[in-house]
N, C-alpha and C. Protein backbone atom coordinates (compact mmCIF):
# COMPACT_ATOMS: atom_id res chain seq x y z
N GLU A 1 118.41 114.97 73.68
CA GLU A 1 117.70 114.71 74.72
C GLU A 1 117.36 115.43 75.97
N LEU A 2 116.11 115.25 76.29
CA LEU A 2 115.56 116.08 77.32
C LEU A 2 115.33 115.31 78.19
N VAL A 3 115.79 116.05 79.57
CA VAL A 3 115.83 114.98 80.76
C VAL A 3 114.72 115.58 81.69
N ILE A 4 113.82 114.92 82.32
CA ILE A 4 112.35 115.60 83.31
C ILE A 4 112.57 115.00 84.47
N ASP A 5 112.70 115.74 85.30
CA ASP A 5 112.68 115.03 86.85
C ASP A 5 111.20 115.63 87.37
N SER A 6 110.37 115.21 87.80
CA SER A 6 108.90 115.87 88.19
C SER A 6 108.09 114.89 88.97
N ARG A 7 107.28 115.06 89.94
CA ARG A 7 106.37 114.90 90.86
C ARG A 7 105.12 114.71 90.17
N VAL A 8 104.40 113.35 90.27
CA VAL A 8 103.06 113.15 89.54
C VAL A 8 102.17 112.76 90.36
N THR A 9 101.05 113.60 90.48
CA THR A 9 100.15 113.11 91.98
C THR A 9 98.57 112.19 90.98
N PHE A 10 98.12 111.57 91.59
CA PHE A 10 96.89 110.77 91.09
C PHE A 10 95.62 110.82 92.35
N PHE A 11 94.77 111.06 91.96
CA PHE A 11 93.58 111.18 92.82
C PHE A 11 92.51 110.08 92.37
N TRP A 12 91.76 109.34 93.19
CA TRP A 12 90.52 108.72 92.66
C TRP A 12 89.88 108.15 93.69
N LYS A 13 88.67 107.60 93.37
CA LYS A 13 87.84 107.10 94.95
C LYS A 13 87.19 105.83 94.38
N ASP A 14 87.75 104.86 95.51
CA ASP A 14 87.22 103.34 95.43
C ASP A 14 86.05 103.42 96.53
N SER A 15 84.73 103.29 96.15
CA SER A 15 83.91 102.80 97.21
C SER A 15 83.95 101.69 98.14
N ARG A 16 84.88 100.65 97.62
CA ARG A 16 84.90 99.60 98.17
C ARG A 16 86.26 100.00 99.63
N LEU A 17 86.62 100.96 99.53
CA LEU A 17 87.48 101.31 100.89
C LEU A 17 87.06 102.16 101.77
N VAL A 18 85.79 102.73 101.56
CA VAL A 18 85.28 103.46 102.53
C VAL A 18 85.07 102.74 104.12
N THR A 19 85.32 103.35 105.13
CA THR A 19 85.44 102.83 106.28
C THR A 19 84.25 102.67 106.76
N PRO A 20 83.62 101.90 107.78
CA PRO A 20 82.90 101.32 108.51
C PRO A 20 82.47 102.78 109.32
N GLU A 21 82.96 103.33 109.93
CA GLU A 21 83.08 104.61 110.47
C GLU A 21 82.20 105.58 109.56
N CYS A 22 82.93 105.78 108.26
CA CYS A 22 82.31 106.83 107.17
C CYS A 22 80.90 106.47 106.94
N ARG A 23 80.88 105.08 106.74
CA ARG A 23 79.51 104.95 106.21
C ARG A 23 78.44 105.04 107.06
N ASP A 24 78.72 104.29 108.18
CA ASP A 24 77.38 104.54 109.42
C ASP A 24 77.89 105.78 110.08
N GLU A 25 78.86 106.68 110.58
CA GLU A 25 78.78 107.57 111.38
C GLU A 25 78.81 108.95 110.59
N GLY A 26 79.33 109.03 109.41
CA GLY A 26 79.75 110.50 108.70
C GLY A 26 80.90 110.70 108.96
N ASP A 27 82.06 109.92 109.96
CA ASP A 27 83.13 110.69 110.22
C ASP A 27 84.01 110.49 109.21
N CYS A 28 84.63 111.19 108.48
CA CYS A 28 85.27 110.68 107.01
C CYS A 28 86.42 111.41 107.00
N GLU A 29 86.80 112.10 107.99
CA GLU A 29 87.92 112.69 108.28
C GLU A 29 89.44 112.01 108.35
N ASP A 30 89.61 111.04 108.58
CA ASP A 30 90.61 110.00 108.82
C ASP A 30 91.39 109.72 107.81
N ARG A 31 92.69 109.68 107.88
CA ARG A 31 93.79 109.39 107.31
C ARG A 31 94.73 108.01 107.13
N PHE A 32 94.90 107.58 106.59
CA PHE A 32 95.59 106.26 106.64
C PHE A 32 96.77 106.24 105.53
N ASP A 33 98.06 106.19 105.92
CA ASP A 33 99.08 106.37 105.38
C ASP A 33 99.63 104.70 105.28
N LEU A 34 99.55 104.49 103.66
CA LEU A 34 99.46 103.30 103.15
C LEU A 34 100.88 103.06 102.35
N LYS A 35 101.68 103.90 102.53
CA LYS A 35 103.38 103.56 101.49
C LYS A 35 103.79 102.16 101.81
N SER A 36 103.88 101.49 102.93
CA SER A 36 104.42 100.13 103.21
C SER A 36 103.60 99.16 102.85
N ARG A 37 102.41 99.64 102.21
CA ARG A 37 101.25 98.81 101.72
C ARG A 37 101.15 98.99 100.06
N GLU A 38 101.66 99.77 99.76
CA GLU A 38 101.33 100.35 97.98
C GLU A 38 101.38 98.91 97.01
N SER A 39 102.10 97.49 97.41
CA SER A 39 101.85 96.80 96.46
C SER A 39 100.71 96.00 96.46
N ALA A 40 99.94 96.35 97.58
CA ALA A 40 98.82 95.45 97.58
C ALA A 40 97.81 96.29 97.32
N LEU A 41 97.62 97.33 96.99
CA LEU A 41 96.81 98.25 96.49
C LEU A 41 97.07 98.57 94.90
N TRP A 42 95.79 98.53 94.36
CA TRP A 42 95.81 98.88 92.87
C TRP A 42 95.85 100.32 92.85
N THR A 43 96.93 100.19 91.96
CA THR A 43 97.55 101.81 91.59
C THR A 43 97.79 102.07 90.09
N PRO A 44 97.37 103.63 89.65
CA PRO A 44 97.37 103.60 87.85
C PRO A 44 98.85 103.44 87.38
N ASP A 45 98.87 103.04 86.14
CA ASP A 45 100.22 102.99 85.44
C ASP A 45 100.30 104.35 84.70
N LEU A 46 101.65 104.62 84.74
CA LEU A 46 102.02 106.14 83.78
C LEU A 46 102.66 105.54 82.41
N TYR A 47 102.16 106.13 81.73
CA TYR A 47 103.05 106.22 80.34
C TYR A 47 103.10 107.37 80.16
N VAL A 48 104.52 107.83 79.58
CA VAL A 48 105.04 108.81 79.00
C VAL A 48 105.36 108.48 77.42
N LEU A 49 104.77 109.24 76.78
CA LEU A 49 104.76 108.93 75.21
C LEU A 49 106.07 109.57 74.85
N ASN A 50 106.54 108.49 73.83
CA ASN A 50 107.90 108.88 73.25
C ASN A 50 109.41 109.11 74.50
N SER A 51 109.07 108.55 75.45
CA SER A 51 110.36 108.70 76.01
C SER A 51 110.95 107.67 76.01
N ARG A 52 112.43 107.75 75.97
CA ARG A 52 113.26 106.72 76.10
C ARG A 52 113.76 105.88 77.09
N LEU A 53 113.40 106.39 78.39
CA LEU A 53 113.56 105.73 79.32
C LEU A 53 112.87 106.80 80.49
N ALA A 54 111.56 105.97 81.20
CA ALA A 54 111.09 106.48 82.23
C ALA A 54 111.12 105.71 83.66
N ARG A 55 111.09 106.21 84.25
CA ARG A 55 111.33 105.46 85.75
C ARG A 55 111.11 106.23 87.17
N ASP A 56 110.47 105.21 88.06
CA ASP A 56 110.03 106.23 89.48
C ASP A 56 111.47 105.96 90.45
N HIS A 57 111.47 107.24 91.45
CA HIS A 57 112.95 107.49 91.81
C HIS A 57 112.56 106.29 93.24
N ASP A 58 113.23 105.16 93.56
CA ASP A 58 113.23 104.59 94.58
C ASP A 58 114.74 104.47 95.15
N HIS A 59 115.75 105.30 95.15
CA HIS A 59 116.58 105.00 95.36
C HIS A 59 117.06 106.27 96.47
N PRO A 60 117.26 106.11 98.24
CA PRO A 60 117.74 105.06 98.58
C PRO A 60 116.62 104.27 99.02
N THR A 61 115.23 105.09 99.16
CA THR A 61 113.98 104.49 99.33
C THR A 61 112.80 104.93 98.26
N ARG A 62 111.77 104.48 98.46
CA ARG A 62 110.86 104.66 97.76
C ARG A 62 110.42 106.28 97.82
N ASN A 63 110.25 107.12 96.69
CA ASN A 63 110.22 108.40 97.28
C ASN A 63 108.82 108.70 96.73
N GLY A 64 108.03 108.83 97.75
CA GLY A 64 106.23 109.16 97.22
C GLY A 64 105.32 108.90 98.20
N MET A 65 103.97 109.02 98.23
CA MET A 65 103.11 108.87 99.38
C MET A 65 102.13 108.24 98.78
N LEU A 66 101.31 107.90 99.66
CA LEU A 66 100.05 106.94 99.54
C LEU A 66 99.26 107.03 100.59
N TYR A 67 98.36 107.92 100.53
CA TYR A 67 97.02 107.94 101.54
C TYR A 67 95.71 107.52 101.17
N LEU A 68 94.96 106.66 102.17
CA LEU A 68 93.52 106.64 102.29
C LEU A 68 92.99 107.21 102.98
N ILE A 69 92.22 108.23 102.69
CA ILE A 69 90.94 108.93 103.34
C ILE A 69 89.72 108.11 103.59
N ALA A 70 88.99 108.30 104.73
CA ALA A 70 88.06 107.08 105.20
C ALA A 70 86.87 107.24 104.42
N SER A 71 86.98 108.18 103.37
CA SER A 71 85.61 108.19 102.39
C SER A 71 85.70 107.47 101.63
N GLY A 72 87.22 106.90 101.13
CA GLY A 72 87.50 106.01 99.90
C GLY A 72 88.35 106.57 99.34
N LYS A 73 88.52 107.72 99.05
CA LYS A 73 89.28 108.69 98.21
C LYS A 73 90.86 108.13 98.35
N VAL A 74 91.82 108.29 97.19
CA VAL A 74 93.04 107.61 97.62
C VAL A 74 94.07 108.59 96.96
N PHE A 75 95.18 108.77 97.73
CA PHE A 75 95.94 109.99 96.97
C PHE A 75 97.25 109.33 96.75
N LEU A 76 97.59 109.47 95.79
CA LEU A 76 99.03 108.75 95.53
C LEU A 76 99.85 109.98 94.64
N SER A 77 101.35 110.19 95.12
CA SER A 77 102.22 111.01 94.56
C SER A 77 103.70 110.40 94.65
N LYS A 78 104.23 110.35 93.46
CA LYS A 78 105.60 110.02 93.08
C LYS A 78 106.29 110.97 92.20
N ARG A 79 107.62 110.42 92.54
CA ARG A 79 108.72 111.54 91.82
C ARG A 79 109.24 110.11 90.51
N TYR A 80 108.83 110.77 89.48
CA TYR A 80 109.50 110.31 88.18
C TYR A 80 110.42 110.85 87.26
N GLY A 81 111.52 110.27 86.86
CA GLY A 81 112.24 110.77 85.77
C GLY A 81 111.91 109.90 84.57
N CYS A 82 112.11 110.89 83.29
CA CYS A 82 112.20 110.46 81.83
C CYS A 82 113.30 111.43 81.20
N SER A 83 113.78 110.63 80.24
CA SER A 83 114.40 111.51 78.80
C SER A 83 113.62 110.90 77.85
N ASN A 84 113.42 112.18 77.05
CA ASN A 84 112.94 112.13 75.80
C ASN A 84 113.91 112.47 74.67
N ILE A 85 113.46 111.82 73.48
CA ILE A 85 114.21 112.70 72.46
C ILE A 85 113.72 113.96 71.98
N CYS A 86 114.54 114.87 71.87
CA CYS A 86 114.29 116.15 71.85
C CYS A 86 114.82 116.72 70.13
N THR A 87 114.36 117.22 69.66
CA THR A 87 114.84 117.34 68.11
C THR A 87 115.43 119.37 68.15
N LEU A 88 114.99 119.84 69.39
CA LEU A 88 115.19 121.31 69.54
C LEU A 88 116.59 121.76 69.81
N LYS A 89 117.25 122.86 69.23
CA LYS A 89 118.65 123.23 69.38
C LYS A 89 118.70 123.98 70.40
N ILE A 90 118.68 123.44 71.80
CA ILE A 90 118.43 124.32 73.07
C ILE A 90 120.11 124.82 73.68
């Protein structure tokens, strides 16, 4: 069994999330911490091929970051752990 503990980072852009200041005035440098509202925002799923167990770390608190940049870019970083079947004799 091979146990992996890693941090996975996702970036994507959603034009529906562009702030009025960015759209009208070109002020696109503001960042908003959305960690407390993560459940209200679409986030991509993560699938680990051939894993026996995969989980995101949430003890004692959620271990990750979620930021929205005024231009509509979203930054999500989470810590994941998984165990895979490993036939190598390490």
